Amino acid sequence: MKKMALYTLLLFGSLIANAQRWQSQIGTNLATLPGKSLEITSAWSPNLSQWAFTFHAGYSYKNAWSAMPSGLMCDCGIADLKTSGAFFKAGYRFDPIRQSGRTTKVGLPIGVNLIGSQYRQKGTIESFPSGTMTYRPESASGFLMGLGLTAAMNIRFSNRWNLDIGLQKFFAFQNRTDYILFKSFMSHQPGVGLLNAKSSWPGLQGIVGLNYRLGRQ
């Protein structure tokens, strides 16, 4: 028992000592702001230029992005569709260009994230089966998980400031089945972008990440 306690203390002390030598940064994804979404980003590593553990968190507020399937014929529709919800992303990234230790101003970081996305969706169904327009409020809520693959170009302006420009592609572990109207109807999923229920298509979200490095350089 005493040996276990000693080993635990030594491990804890080693983690603290190593953490003091780690670099960290915090930032935000500017690409999500037009869709009423805020995404705060962070990264930690002994060498942020080469690789890092990442954690992002954010919230979407009444996001109205949506798209109807092309060529759909139906005497119904959706009005005032809004999606809100919180999300997180935890993962890892590395830069194959800077892995060799080269100090370049431009890198190409590639990453993978576990994404958890909570949603609350509200809208109004419009239909006129008997020639008279009727309106029916509908709502859906739940939690979606999947993997997000990212690829970006990282530009270093100084020792403190850098910018990521790229894309995130989402692959759901299980597709949603509760979209308000059509299975192929696309609407916003917090932290993910436009998504439909049949697949993870398109599942794309832009990355314009402005980052600031903390602590010693």
N, C-alpha and C. Protein backbone atom coordinates (compact mmCIF):
# COMPACT_ATOMS: atom_id res chain seq x y z
N MET A 1 0.83 -1.21 0.00
CA MET A 1 0.00 0.00 0.00
C MET A 1 0.86 1.25 0.00
N LYS A 2 1.93 1.22 0.83
CA LYS A 2 2.83 2.38 0.89
C LYS A 2 3.57 2.56 -0.42
N LYS A 3 3.94 1.42 -1.06
CA LYS A 3 4.62 1.51 -2.35
C LYS A 3 3.70 2.11 -3.41
N MET A 4 2.43 1.70 -3.38
CA MET A 4 1.46 2.25 -4.34
C MET A 4 1.31 3.75 -4.16
N ALA A 5 1.23 4.20 -2.90
CA ALA A 5 1.11 5.63 -2.61
C ALA A 5 2.35 6.38 -3.08
N LEU A 6 3.54 5.76 -2.87
CA LEU A 6 4.79 6.40 -3.30
C LEU A 6 4.85 6.52 -4.81
N TYR A 7 4.47 5.43 -5.52
CA TYR A 7 4.47 5.46 -6.98
C TYR A 7 3.49 6.51 -7.51
N THR A 8 2.35 6.61 -6.85
CA THR A 8 1.35 7.60 -7.26
C THR A 8 1.88 9.02 -7.10
N LEU A 9 2.54 9.28 -5.97
CA LEU A 9 3.12 10.60 -5.73
C LEU A 9 4.22 10.92 -6.74
N LEU A 10 5.06 9.91 -7.04
CA LEU A 10 6.12 10.13 -8.02
C LEU A 10 5.55 10.43 -9.41
N LEU A 11 4.50 9.66 -9.80
CA LEU A 11 3.86 9.89 -11.10
C LEU A 11 3.23 11.27 -11.16
N PHE A 12 2.52 11.64 -10.08
CA PHE A 12 1.88 12.95 -10.04
C PHE A 12 2.91 14.08 -10.12
N GLY A 13 4.02 13.91 -9.38
CA GLY A 13 5.07 14.92 -9.41
C GLY A 13 5.71 15.04 -10.78
N SER A 14 5.89 13.87 -11.45
CA SER A 14 6.47 13.89 -12.79
C SER A 14 5.56 14.60 -13.78
N LEU A 15 4.24 14.35 -13.67
CA LEU A 15 3.29 15.02 -14.57
C LEU A 15 3.30 16.52 -14.36
N ILE A 16 3.38 16.96 -13.10
CA ILE A 16 3.42 18.40 -12.82
C ILE A 16 4.68 19.02 -13.39
N ALA A 17 5.82 18.33 -13.20
CA ALA A 17 7.09 18.86 -13.71
C ALA A 17 7.08 18.97 -15.22
N ASN A 18 6.54 17.94 -15.87
CA ASN A 18 6.48 17.98 -17.34
C ASN A 18 5.48 19.01 -17.83
N ALA A 19 4.35 19.16 -17.12
CA ALA A 19 3.34 20.13 -17.54
C ALA A 19 3.88 21.55 -17.49
N GLN A 20 4.81 21.82 -16.54
CA GLN A 20 5.38 23.15 -16.44
C GLN A 20 6.23 23.49 -17.65
N ARG A 21 6.72 22.46 -18.35
CA ARG A 21 7.53 22.70 -19.55
C ARG A 21 6.69 22.68 -20.83
N TRP A 22 5.41 22.38 -20.71
CA TRP A 22 4.55 22.32 -21.88
C TRP A 22 4.15 23.71 -22.34
N GLN A 23 3.88 23.82 -23.63
CA GLN A 23 3.36 25.04 -24.23
C GLN A 23 1.85 24.91 -24.37
N SER A 24 1.16 26.03 -24.39
CA SER A 24 -0.30 26.00 -24.57
C SER A 24 -0.74 27.21 -25.37
N GLN A 25 -1.91 27.10 -25.97
CA GLN A 25 -2.49 28.22 -26.71
C GLN A 25 -4.00 28.17 -26.60
N ILE A 26 -4.62 29.32 -26.79
CA ILE A 26 -6.07 29.44 -26.77
C ILE A 26 -6.49 30.28 -27.96
N GLY A 27 -7.68 30.02 -28.49
CA GLY A 27 -8.12 30.77 -29.66
C GLY A 27 -9.61 30.61 -29.89
N THR A 28 -10.05 31.02 -31.08
CA THR A 28 -11.45 30.88 -31.46
C THR A 28 -11.55 30.62 -32.95
N ASN A 29 -12.59 29.90 -33.37
CA ASN A 29 -12.83 29.61 -34.77
C ASN A 29 -13.75 30.67 -35.35
N LEU A 30 -13.18 31.62 -36.08
CA LEU A 30 -13.96 32.74 -36.62
C LEU A 30 -14.95 32.28 -37.68
N ALA A 31 -14.74 31.11 -38.30
CA ALA A 31 -15.62 30.64 -39.37
C ALA A 31 -17.02 30.32 -38.86
N THR A 32 -17.20 30.08 -37.57
CA THR A 32 -18.51 29.70 -37.04
C THR A 32 -19.35 30.91 -36.62
N LEU A 33 -18.74 32.08 -36.51
CA LEU A 33 -19.46 33.25 -35.99
C LEU A 33 -20.65 33.67 -36.85
N PRO A 34 -20.58 33.65 -38.21
CA PRO A 34 -21.75 34.04 -39.00
C PRO A 34 -22.98 33.16 -38.77
N GLY A 35 -22.78 31.92 -38.30
CA GLY A 35 -23.89 31.01 -38.04
C GLY A 35 -24.34 31.02 -36.59
N LYS A 36 -24.05 32.11 -35.87
CA LYS A 36 -24.44 32.24 -34.46
C LYS A 36 -23.86 31.12 -33.61
N SER A 37 -22.63 30.73 -33.90
CA SER A 37 -21.93 29.71 -33.13
C SER A 37 -20.61 30.27 -32.64
N LEU A 38 -20.27 29.98 -31.39
CA LEU A 38 -19.00 30.38 -30.81
C LEU A 38 -18.22 29.12 -30.46
N GLU A 39 -16.98 29.02 -30.97
CA GLU A 39 -16.13 27.86 -30.71
C GLU A 39 -14.80 28.34 -30.13
N ILE A 40 -14.52 27.96 -28.87
CA ILE A 40 -13.26 28.29 -28.21
C ILE A 40 -12.33 27.10 -28.36
N THR A 41 -11.09 27.34 -28.79
CA THR A 41 -10.14 26.27 -29.05
C THR A 41 -8.95 26.36 -28.10
N SER A 42 -8.32 25.21 -27.85
CA SER A 42 -7.11 25.19 -27.02
C SER A 42 -6.24 24.02 -27.45
N ALA A 43 -4.92 24.12 -27.13
CA ALA A 43 -3.97 23.07 -27.48
C ALA A 43 -2.84 23.06 -26.45
N TRP A 44 -2.30 21.85 -26.18
CA TRP A 44 -1.19 21.69 -25.25
C TRP A 44 -0.18 20.71 -25.81
N SER A 45 1.11 21.02 -25.61
CA SER A 45 2.17 20.14 -26.09
C SER A 45 3.53 20.65 -25.62
N PRO A 46 4.53 19.78 -25.52
CA PRO A 46 5.90 20.27 -25.28
C PRO A 46 6.42 21.08 -26.46
N ASN A 47 5.85 20.83 -27.65
CA ASN A 47 6.24 21.59 -28.85
C ASN A 47 5.01 21.75 -29.74
N LEU A 48 4.31 22.87 -29.58
CA LEU A 48 3.06 23.10 -30.32
C LEU A 48 3.24 23.10 -31.82
N SER A 49 4.43 23.46 -32.29
CA SER A 49 4.65 23.53 -33.74
C SER A 49 4.62 22.14 -34.38
N GLN A 50 4.96 21.10 -33.60
CA GLN A 50 5.06 19.75 -34.16
C GLN A 50 3.81 18.91 -33.91
N TRP A 51 3.29 18.91 -32.67
CA TRP A 51 2.09 18.13 -32.36
C TRP A 51 1.44 18.70 -31.11
N ALA A 52 0.17 18.31 -30.87
CA ALA A 52 -0.53 18.83 -29.69
C ALA A 52 -1.79 18.02 -29.40
N PHE A 53 -2.14 17.96 -28.12
CA PHE A 53 -3.48 17.54 -27.72
C PHE A 53 -4.39 18.76 -27.82
N THR A 54 -5.62 18.56 -28.27
CA THR A 54 -6.53 19.69 -28.48
C THR A 54 -7.85 19.47 -27.75
N PHE A 55 -8.44 20.57 -27.33
CA PHE A 55 -9.79 20.53 -26.76
C PHE A 55 -10.52 21.80 -27.15
N HIS A 56 -11.70 21.64 -27.77
CA HIS A 56 -12.53 22.77 -28.18
C HIS A 56 -13.91 22.62 -27.54
N ALA A 57 -14.55 23.74 -27.29
CA ALA A 57 -15.91 23.72 -26.76
C ALA A 57 -16.64 24.94 -27.29
N GLY A 58 -17.98 24.81 -27.42
CA GLY A 58 -18.73 25.94 -27.95
C GLY A 58 -20.22 25.77 -27.84
N TYR A 59 -20.92 26.73 -28.44
CA TYR A 59 -22.39 26.73 -28.37
C TYR A 59 -22.94 27.38 -29.63
N SER A 60 -24.01 26.81 -30.15
CA SER A 60 -24.76 27.38 -31.28
C SER A 60 -26.10 27.89 -30.76
N TYR A 61 -26.47 29.11 -31.16
CA TYR A 61 -27.71 29.72 -30.67
C TYR A 61 -28.65 30.01 -31.82
N LYS A 62 -29.72 29.26 -31.91
CA LYS A 62 -30.77 29.46 -32.91
C LYS A 62 -30.18 29.62 -34.31
N ASN A 63 -29.35 28.65 -34.69
CA ASN A 63 -28.73 28.65 -36.01
C ASN A 63 -29.78 28.25 -37.05
N ALA A 64 -29.92 29.05 -38.10
CA ALA A 64 -30.98 28.84 -39.10
C ALA A 64 -30.47 28.20 -40.39
N TRP A 65 -29.21 27.77 -40.45
CA TRP A 65 -28.69 27.16 -41.66
C TRP A 65 -29.43 25.86 -41.96
N SER A 66 -29.90 25.70 -43.20
CA SER A 66 -30.60 24.48 -43.61
C SER A 66 -30.61 24.42 -45.14
N ALA A 67 -30.94 23.23 -45.66
CA ALA A 67 -31.00 23.06 -47.12
C ALA A 67 -31.99 21.97 -47.45
N MET A 68 -32.87 22.26 -48.42
CA MET A 68 -33.84 21.26 -48.89
C MET A 68 -33.20 20.38 -49.95
N PRO A 69 -33.59 19.12 -50.04
CA PRO A 69 -33.08 18.24 -51.10
C PRO A 69 -33.47 18.78 -52.48
N SER A 70 -32.58 18.67 -53.45
CA SER A 70 -32.87 19.15 -54.79
C SER A 70 -33.89 18.24 -55.46
N GLY A 71 -34.81 18.83 -56.21
CA GLY A 71 -35.81 18.08 -56.96
C GLY A 71 -36.93 17.50 -56.11
N LEU A 72 -37.08 17.97 -54.85
CA LEU A 72 -38.12 17.41 -53.98
C LEU A 72 -39.50 17.98 -54.35
N MET A 73 -40.50 17.11 -54.53
CA MET A 73 -41.86 17.52 -54.80
C MET A 73 -42.72 17.17 -53.59
N CYS A 74 -43.29 18.18 -52.94
CA CYS A 74 -44.07 17.93 -51.73
C CYS A 74 -44.98 19.12 -51.46
N ASP A 75 -46.19 18.85 -50.93
CA ASP A 75 -47.11 19.93 -50.62
C ASP A 75 -46.93 20.36 -49.16
N CYS A 76 -45.68 20.42 -48.72
CA CYS A 76 -45.40 20.79 -47.34
C CYS A 76 -44.02 21.44 -47.27
N GLY A 77 -43.70 21.96 -46.12
CA GLY A 77 -42.41 22.61 -45.96
C GLY A 77 -42.14 22.93 -44.51
N ILE A 78 -40.99 23.54 -44.26
CA ILE A 78 -40.58 23.92 -42.91
C ILE A 78 -40.35 25.41 -42.86
N ALA A 79 -40.85 26.06 -41.80
CA ALA A 79 -40.64 27.49 -41.61
C ALA A 79 -39.99 27.73 -40.25
N ASP A 80 -39.18 28.75 -40.18
CA ASP A 80 -38.58 29.21 -38.94
C ASP A 80 -37.84 28.09 -38.21
N LEU A 81 -37.02 27.33 -38.95
CA LEU A 81 -36.25 26.24 -38.36
C LEU A 81 -35.01 26.81 -37.67
N LYS A 82 -34.81 26.49 -36.39
CA LYS A 82 -33.66 26.98 -35.63
C LYS A 82 -33.08 25.83 -34.82
N THR A 83 -31.75 25.78 -34.72
CA THR A 83 -31.07 24.75 -33.94
C THR A 83 -30.11 25.39 -32.95
N SER A 84 -30.20 24.96 -31.69
CA SER A 84 -29.29 25.42 -30.64
C SER A 84 -28.65 24.21 -29.98
N GLY A 85 -27.49 24.41 -29.33
CA GLY A 85 -26.88 23.30 -28.60
C GLY A 85 -25.41 23.52 -28.33
N ALA A 86 -24.89 22.78 -27.35
CA ALA A 86 -23.49 22.84 -26.97
C ALA A 86 -22.72 21.69 -27.61
N PHE A 87 -21.40 21.84 -27.71
CA PHE A 87 -20.57 20.79 -28.30
C PHE A 87 -19.16 20.84 -27.72
N PHE A 88 -18.44 19.71 -27.86
CA PHE A 88 -17.03 19.65 -27.48
C PHE A 88 -16.28 18.84 -28.52
N LYS A 89 -14.95 19.08 -28.59
CA LYS A 89 -14.08 18.33 -29.49
C LYS A 89 -12.77 18.07 -28.74
N ALA A 90 -12.39 16.81 -28.61
CA ALA A 90 -11.15 16.44 -27.93
C ALA A 90 -10.34 15.56 -28.87
N GLY A 91 -9.07 15.90 -29.09
CA GLY A 91 -8.31 15.11 -30.04
C GLY A 91 -6.83 15.39 -30.06
N TYR A 92 -6.24 15.15 -31.23
CA TYR A 92 -4.79 15.20 -31.42
C TYR A 92 -4.51 15.73 -32.82
N ARG A 93 -3.43 16.48 -32.97
CA ARG A 93 -3.02 16.96 -34.29
C ARG A 93 -1.50 16.91 -34.39
N PHE A 94 -1.01 16.81 -35.61
CA PHE A 94 0.43 16.87 -35.84
C PHE A 94 0.69 17.56 -37.17
N ASP A 95 1.91 18.10 -37.30
CA ASP A 95 2.29 18.84 -38.50
C ASP A 95 3.43 18.08 -39.18
N PRO A 96 3.17 17.39 -40.30
CA PRO A 96 4.23 16.61 -40.96
C PRO A 96 5.39 17.47 -41.46
N ILE A 97 5.14 18.74 -41.75
CA ILE A 97 6.21 19.61 -42.23
C ILE A 97 7.15 19.99 -41.10
N ARG A 98 6.59 20.31 -39.92
CA ARG A 98 7.40 20.77 -38.79
C ARG A 98 7.86 19.64 -37.89
N GLN A 99 7.46 18.38 -38.16
CA GLN A 99 7.89 17.26 -37.35
C GLN A 99 9.40 17.09 -37.36
N SER A 100 10.03 17.49 -38.45
CA SER A 100 11.49 17.34 -38.57
C SER A 100 12.25 18.38 -37.76
N GLY A 101 11.52 19.33 -37.16
CA GLY A 101 12.17 20.38 -36.39
C GLY A 101 12.41 21.66 -37.17
N ARG A 102 11.98 21.68 -38.43
CA ARG A 102 12.16 22.89 -39.25
C ARG A 102 11.25 24.00 -38.73
N THR A 103 11.79 25.20 -38.59
CA THR A 103 11.02 26.35 -38.11
C THR A 103 10.49 27.13 -39.31
N THR A 104 9.36 26.68 -39.85
CA THR A 104 8.76 27.33 -41.00
C THR A 104 7.57 28.20 -40.55
N LYS A 105 7.32 29.26 -41.28
CA LYS A 105 6.19 30.14 -40.96
C LYS A 105 4.86 29.50 -41.35
N VAL A 106 4.88 28.61 -42.33
CA VAL A 106 3.66 27.94 -42.79
C VAL A 106 3.77 26.44 -42.57
N GLY A 107 2.78 25.87 -41.91
CA GLY A 107 2.73 24.43 -41.69
C GLY A 107 1.41 23.86 -42.18
N LEU A 108 1.28 22.53 -42.14
CA LEU A 108 0.07 21.85 -42.60
C LEU A 108 -0.39 20.85 -41.53
N PRO A 109 -0.97 21.32 -40.43
CA PRO A 109 -1.41 20.41 -39.37
C PRO A 109 -2.61 19.55 -39.80
N ILE A 110 -2.56 18.27 -39.42
CA ILE A 110 -3.63 17.30 -39.67
C ILE A 110 -4.07 16.76 -38.32
N GLY A 111 -5.39 16.60 -38.12
CA GLY A 111 -5.85 16.18 -36.81
C GLY A 111 -7.07 15.30 -36.84
N VAL A 112 -7.38 14.71 -35.69
CA VAL A 112 -8.59 13.91 -35.51
C VAL A 112 -9.18 14.26 -34.15
N ASN A 113 -10.51 14.42 -34.11
CA ASN A 113 -11.21 14.79 -32.88
C ASN A 113 -12.38 13.86 -32.62
N LEU A 114 -12.62 13.58 -31.35
CA LEU A 114 -13.87 12.97 -30.91
C LEU A 114 -14.83 14.13 -30.66
N ILE A 115 -15.97 14.15 -31.35
CA ILE A 115 -16.91 15.26 -31.26
C ILE A 115 -18.20 14.81 -30.62
N GLY A 116 -18.63 15.54 -29.61
CA GLY A 116 -19.93 15.33 -28.99
C GLY A 116 -20.78 16.56 -29.22
N SER A 117 -21.98 16.39 -29.74
CA SER A 117 -22.83 17.51 -30.14
C SER A 117 -24.25 17.33 -29.61
N GLN A 118 -24.67 18.26 -28.78
CA GLN A 118 -26.03 18.25 -28.24
C GLN A 118 -26.88 19.23 -29.06
N TYR A 119 -28.14 18.89 -29.33
CA TYR A 119 -28.95 19.77 -30.17
C TYR A 119 -30.38 19.86 -29.65
N ARG A 120 -30.98 21.03 -29.89
CA ARG A 120 -32.39 21.28 -29.65
C ARG A 120 -32.91 22.02 -30.88
N GLN A 121 -33.78 21.37 -31.64
CA GLN A 121 -34.23 21.90 -32.92
C GLN A 121 -35.73 22.18 -32.87
N LYS A 122 -36.10 23.38 -33.33
CA LYS A 122 -37.52 23.76 -33.37
C LYS A 122 -37.86 24.33 -34.74
N GLY A 123 -39.08 24.08 -35.17
CA GLY A 123 -39.54 24.60 -36.45
C GLY A 123 -41.05 24.46 -36.58
N THR A 124 -41.57 24.95 -37.69
CA THR A 124 -43.00 24.88 -37.97
C THR A 124 -43.22 24.15 -39.29
N ILE A 125 -44.04 23.11 -39.27
CA ILE A 125 -44.39 22.37 -40.49
C ILE A 125 -45.56 23.05 -41.17
N GLU A 126 -45.39 23.37 -42.46
CA GLU A 126 -46.46 23.98 -43.24
C GLU A 126 -47.01 22.93 -44.21
N SER A 127 -48.33 22.78 -44.26
CA SER A 127 -48.92 21.84 -45.22
C SER A 127 -50.32 22.34 -45.62
N PHE A 128 -50.77 21.90 -46.79
CA PHE A 128 -52.11 22.27 -47.26
C PHE A 128 -52.73 21.08 -47.99
N PRO A 129 -52.98 19.97 -47.28
CA PRO A 129 -53.54 18.77 -47.92
C PRO A 129 -54.93 18.96 -48.48
N SER A 130 -55.74 19.84 -47.89
CA SER A 130 -57.11 20.05 -48.37
C SER A 130 -57.29 21.43 -48.98
N GLY A 131 -56.21 22.05 -49.38
CA GLY A 131 -56.28 23.37 -49.98
C GLY A 131 -56.18 24.49 -48.99
N THR A 132 -56.19 24.20 -47.69
CA THR A 132 -56.06 25.21 -46.66
C THR A 132 -54.73 25.05 -45.94
N MET A 133 -53.96 26.14 -45.84
CA MET A 133 -52.66 26.08 -45.21
C MET A 133 -52.81 25.82 -43.72
N THR A 134 -52.08 24.84 -43.22
CA THR A 134 -52.07 24.55 -41.78
C THR A 134 -50.63 24.62 -41.27
N TYR A 135 -50.49 24.94 -39.99
CA TYR A 135 -49.18 25.07 -39.37
C TYR A 135 -49.12 24.20 -38.12
N ARG A 136 -48.00 23.48 -37.96
CA ARG A 136 -47.86 22.61 -36.80
C ARG A 136 -46.44 22.73 -36.25
N PRO A 137 -46.28 23.21 -35.00
CA PRO A 137 -44.94 23.31 -34.42
C PRO A 137 -44.36 21.93 -34.13
N GLU A 138 -43.05 21.76 -34.40
CA GLU A 138 -42.36 20.51 -34.15
C GLU A 138 -41.04 20.81 -33.46
N SER A 139 -40.52 19.82 -32.72
CA SER A 139 -39.22 19.98 -32.07
C SER A 139 -38.53 18.63 -31.99
N ALA A 140 -37.20 18.67 -31.88
CA ALA A 140 -36.40 17.46 -31.74
C ALA A 140 -35.18 17.81 -30.91
N SER A 141 -34.69 16.85 -30.13
CA SER A 141 -33.51 17.09 -29.31
C SER A 141 -32.77 15.78 -29.10
N GLY A 142 -31.48 15.88 -28.80
CA GLY A 142 -30.70 14.67 -28.58
C GLY A 142 -29.22 14.97 -28.53
N PHE A 143 -28.41 13.92 -28.67
CA PHE A 143 -26.95 14.02 -28.59
C PHE A 143 -26.36 13.14 -29.67
N LEU A 144 -25.36 13.67 -30.37
CA LEU A 144 -24.72 12.98 -31.49
C LEU A 144 -23.21 12.94 -31.27
N MET A 145 -22.60 11.78 -31.55
CA MET A 145 -21.15 11.66 -31.43
C MET A 145 -20.55 11.13 -32.72
N GLY A 146 -19.28 11.48 -32.94
CA GLY A 146 -18.60 11.01 -34.13
C GLY A 146 -17.16 11.49 -34.15
N LEU A 147 -16.49 11.24 -35.28
CA LEU A 147 -15.10 11.66 -35.46
C LEU A 147 -15.04 12.82 -36.43
N GLY A 148 -14.16 13.77 -36.15
CA GLY A 148 -13.92 14.88 -37.05
C GLY A 148 -12.47 14.86 -37.52
N LEU A 149 -12.26 14.79 -38.82
CA LEU A 149 -10.92 14.85 -39.40
C LEU A 149 -10.67 16.26 -39.88
N THR A 150 -9.51 16.81 -39.53
CA THR A 150 -9.21 18.20 -39.89
C THR A 150 -7.92 18.29 -40.70
N ALA A 151 -7.90 19.24 -41.60
CA ALA A 151 -6.69 19.56 -42.37
C ALA A 151 -6.66 21.07 -42.54
N ALA A 152 -5.51 21.67 -42.28
CA ALA A 152 -5.44 23.12 -42.31
C ALA A 152 -4.05 23.59 -42.73
N MET A 153 -3.98 24.86 -43.04
CA MET A 153 -2.71 25.55 -43.24
C MET A 153 -2.52 26.48 -42.05
N ASN A 154 -1.40 26.33 -41.34
CA ASN A 154 -1.12 27.16 -40.17
C ASN A 154 -0.09 28.23 -40.54
N ILE A 155 -0.43 29.47 -40.28
CA ILE A 155 0.45 30.60 -40.60
C ILE A 155 0.87 31.28 -39.29
N ARG A 156 2.16 31.36 -39.03
CA ARG A 156 2.67 32.01 -37.83
C ARG A 156 3.01 33.46 -38.14
N PHE A 157 2.33 34.40 -37.45
CA PHE A 157 2.61 35.82 -37.62
C PHE A 157 3.73 36.29 -36.69
N SER A 158 3.81 35.64 -35.51
CA SER A 158 4.82 36.00 -34.52
C SER A 158 4.97 34.82 -33.56
N ASN A 159 5.76 34.98 -32.50
CA ASN A 159 5.90 33.92 -31.50
C ASN A 159 4.60 33.66 -30.77
N ARG A 160 3.71 34.66 -30.74
CA ARG A 160 2.45 34.53 -29.99
C ARG A 160 1.25 34.20 -30.86
N TRP A 161 1.16 34.84 -32.03
CA TRP A 161 -0.06 34.75 -32.84
C TRP A 161 0.12 33.84 -34.04
N ASN A 162 -0.90 33.02 -34.32
CA ASN A 162 -0.90 32.19 -35.53
C ASN A 162 -2.34 31.98 -35.98
N LEU A 163 -2.49 31.57 -37.24
CA LEU A 163 -3.81 31.42 -37.85
C LEU A 163 -3.92 30.07 -38.55
N ASP A 164 -5.03 29.35 -38.30
CA ASP A 164 -5.34 28.10 -39.01
C ASP A 164 -6.44 28.37 -40.04
N ILE A 165 -6.23 27.90 -41.27
CA ILE A 165 -7.24 27.99 -42.32
C ILE A 165 -7.43 26.61 -42.93
N GLY A 166 -8.64 26.04 -42.79
CA GLY A 166 -8.83 24.69 -43.30
C GLY A 166 -10.26 24.22 -43.20
N LEU A 167 -10.43 22.87 -43.14
CA LEU A 167 -11.76 22.25 -43.12
C LEU A 167 -11.81 21.12 -42.10
N GLN A 168 -13.00 20.87 -41.59
CA GLN A 168 -13.28 19.72 -40.74
C GLN A 168 -14.35 18.86 -41.41
N LYS A 169 -14.11 17.55 -41.50
CA LYS A 169 -15.10 16.60 -42.04
C LYS A 169 -15.56 15.68 -40.92
N PHE A 170 -16.88 15.56 -40.75
CA PHE A 170 -17.47 14.80 -39.65
C PHE A 170 -18.01 13.46 -40.13
N PHE A 171 -17.78 12.41 -39.31
CA PHE A 171 -18.32 11.08 -39.56
C PHE A 171 -19.03 10.63 -38.29
N ALA A 172 -20.37 10.52 -38.35
CA ALA A 172 -21.15 10.17 -37.17
C ALA A 172 -21.05 8.68 -36.85
N PHE A 173 -21.02 8.33 -35.56
CA PHE A 173 -21.08 6.93 -35.15
C PHE A 173 -22.46 6.35 -35.43
N GLN A 174 -23.50 7.18 -35.25
CA GLN A 174 -24.87 6.77 -35.53
C GLN A 174 -25.63 7.99 -36.05
N ASN A 175 -26.29 7.85 -37.20
CA ASN A 175 -26.96 8.99 -37.82
C ASN A 175 -28.25 9.35 -37.08
N ARG A 176 -28.61 10.61 -37.14
CA ARG A 176 -29.86 11.06 -36.54
C ARG A 176 -31.05 10.50 -37.30
N THR A 177 -32.13 10.24 -36.57
CA THR A 177 -33.36 9.74 -37.19
C THR A 177 -34.55 10.62 -36.85
N ASP A 178 -34.31 11.78 -36.26
CA ASP A 178 -35.41 12.61 -35.78
C ASP A 178 -35.50 13.97 -36.47
N TYR A 179 -34.98 14.08 -37.70
CA TYR A 179 -35.13 15.35 -38.39
C TYR A 179 -36.62 15.66 -38.58
N ILE A 180 -36.95 16.91 -38.49
CA ILE A 180 -38.35 17.30 -38.37
C ILE A 180 -39.20 16.87 -39.57
N LEU A 181 -38.67 16.92 -40.77
CA LEU A 181 -39.51 16.63 -41.93
C LEU A 181 -38.99 15.49 -42.80
N PHE A 182 -37.89 15.73 -43.52
CA PHE A 182 -37.40 14.74 -44.46
C PHE A 182 -36.09 14.14 -43.97
N LYS A 183 -35.89 12.86 -44.24
CA LYS A 183 -34.63 12.23 -43.84
C LYS A 183 -33.44 12.84 -44.57
N SER A 184 -33.67 13.31 -45.79
CA SER A 184 -32.57 13.89 -46.56
C SER A 184 -32.48 15.40 -46.41
N PHE A 185 -33.33 15.98 -45.55
CA PHE A 185 -33.27 17.41 -45.29
C PHE A 185 -32.04 17.71 -44.45
N MET A 186 -31.28 18.74 -44.82
CA MET A 186 -30.06 19.08 -44.11
C MET A 186 -30.30 20.28 -43.20
N SER A 187 -29.80 20.20 -41.98
CA SER A 187 -29.87 21.33 -41.05
C SER A 187 -28.59 21.37 -40.23
N HIS A 188 -28.42 22.47 -39.50
CA HIS A 188 -27.19 22.68 -38.76
C HIS A 188 -27.09 21.74 -37.56
N GLN A 189 -25.90 21.16 -37.35
CA GLN A 189 -25.59 20.37 -36.16
C GLN A 189 -24.47 21.10 -35.42
N PRO A 190 -24.67 21.50 -34.15
CA PRO A 190 -23.66 22.28 -33.43
C PRO A 190 -22.28 21.63 -33.44
N GLY A 191 -21.28 22.41 -33.83
CA GLY A 191 -19.91 21.93 -33.88
C GLY A 191 -19.56 21.11 -35.09
N VAL A 192 -20.54 20.88 -35.99
CA VAL A 192 -20.37 19.98 -37.13
C VAL A 192 -20.61 20.67 -38.46
N GLY A 193 -21.68 21.46 -38.54
CA GLY A 193 -22.09 22.07 -39.81
C GLY A 193 -23.36 21.41 -40.32
N LEU A 194 -23.66 21.57 -41.61
CA LEU A 194 -24.86 20.97 -42.20
C LEU A 194 -24.74 19.45 -42.24
N LEU A 195 -25.84 18.78 -41.87
CA LEU A 195 -25.84 17.32 -41.81
C LEU A 195 -27.23 16.82 -42.15
N ASN A 196 -27.33 15.63 -42.78
CA ASN A 196 -28.64 15.01 -42.97
C ASN A 196 -28.72 13.72 -42.17
N ALA A 197 -29.87 13.08 -42.18
CA ALA A 197 -30.08 11.90 -41.34
C ALA A 197 -29.66 10.61 -42.00
N LYS A 198 -29.58 10.57 -43.32
CA LYS A 198 -29.23 9.34 -44.02
C LYS A 198 -27.75 9.00 -43.92
N SER A 199 -26.93 10.05 -43.82
CA SER A 199 -25.48 9.85 -43.76
C SER A 199 -24.85 11.05 -43.07
N SER A 200 -23.54 11.09 -43.04
CA SER A 200 -22.84 12.23 -42.46
C SER A 200 -22.53 13.28 -43.53
N TRP A 201 -23.32 13.30 -44.59
CA TRP A 201 -23.06 14.22 -45.70
C TRP A 201 -23.86 15.51 -45.51
N PRO A 202 -23.30 16.70 -45.78
CA PRO A 202 -21.89 16.87 -46.13
C PRO A 202 -20.97 16.87 -44.92
N GLY A 203 -21.47 17.28 -43.73
CA GLY A 203 -20.67 17.22 -42.52
C GLY A 203 -19.38 18.03 -42.58
N LEU A 204 -19.42 19.16 -43.25
CA LEU A 204 -18.23 20.01 -43.40
C LEU A 204 -18.38 21.29 -42.59
N GLN A 205 -17.30 21.71 -41.97
CA GLN A 205 -17.28 22.99 -41.27
C GLN A 205 -15.95 23.68 -41.53
N GLY A 206 -16.00 24.97 -41.79
CA GLY A 206 -14.79 25.72 -42.05
C GLY A 206 -13.97 25.97 -40.79
N ILE A 207 -12.67 26.16 -40.99
CA ILE A 207 -11.76 26.48 -39.89
C ILE A 207 -11.03 27.78 -40.24
N VAL A 208 -11.25 28.80 -39.45
CA VAL A 208 -10.47 30.03 -39.52
C VAL A 208 -10.11 30.35 -38.06
N GLY A 209 -9.09 29.66 -37.57
CA GLY A 209 -8.76 29.72 -36.15
C GLY A 209 -7.68 30.72 -35.84
N LEU A 210 -8.03 31.74 -35.07
CA LEU A 210 -7.05 32.73 -34.61
C LEU A 210 -6.59 32.29 -33.22
N ASN A 211 -5.27 32.06 -33.05
CA ASN A 211 -4.73 31.47 -31.84
C ASN A 211 -3.67 32.36 -31.19
N TYR A 212 -3.63 32.30 -29.85
CA TYR A 212 -2.63 33.06 -29.09
C TYR A 212 -1.90 32.11 -28.14
N ARG A 213 -0.59 32.08 -28.23
CA ARG A 213 0.21 31.20 -27.38
C ARG A 213 0.44 31.83 -26.01
N LEU A 214 0.32 30.98 -24.97
CA LEU A 214 0.44 31.44 -23.60
C LEU A 214 1.80 31.06 -23.01
N GLY A 215 2.18 31.72 -21.92
CA GLY A 215 3.39 31.36 -21.19
C GLY A 215 4.67 31.68 -21.93
N ARG A 216 5.75 30.99 -21.51
CA ARG A 216 7.06 31.21 -22.12
C ARG A 216 7.11 30.65 -23.53
N GLN A 217 7.96 31.26 -24.35
CA GLN A 217 8.14 30.81 -25.74
C GLN A 217 9.52 30.20 -25.91
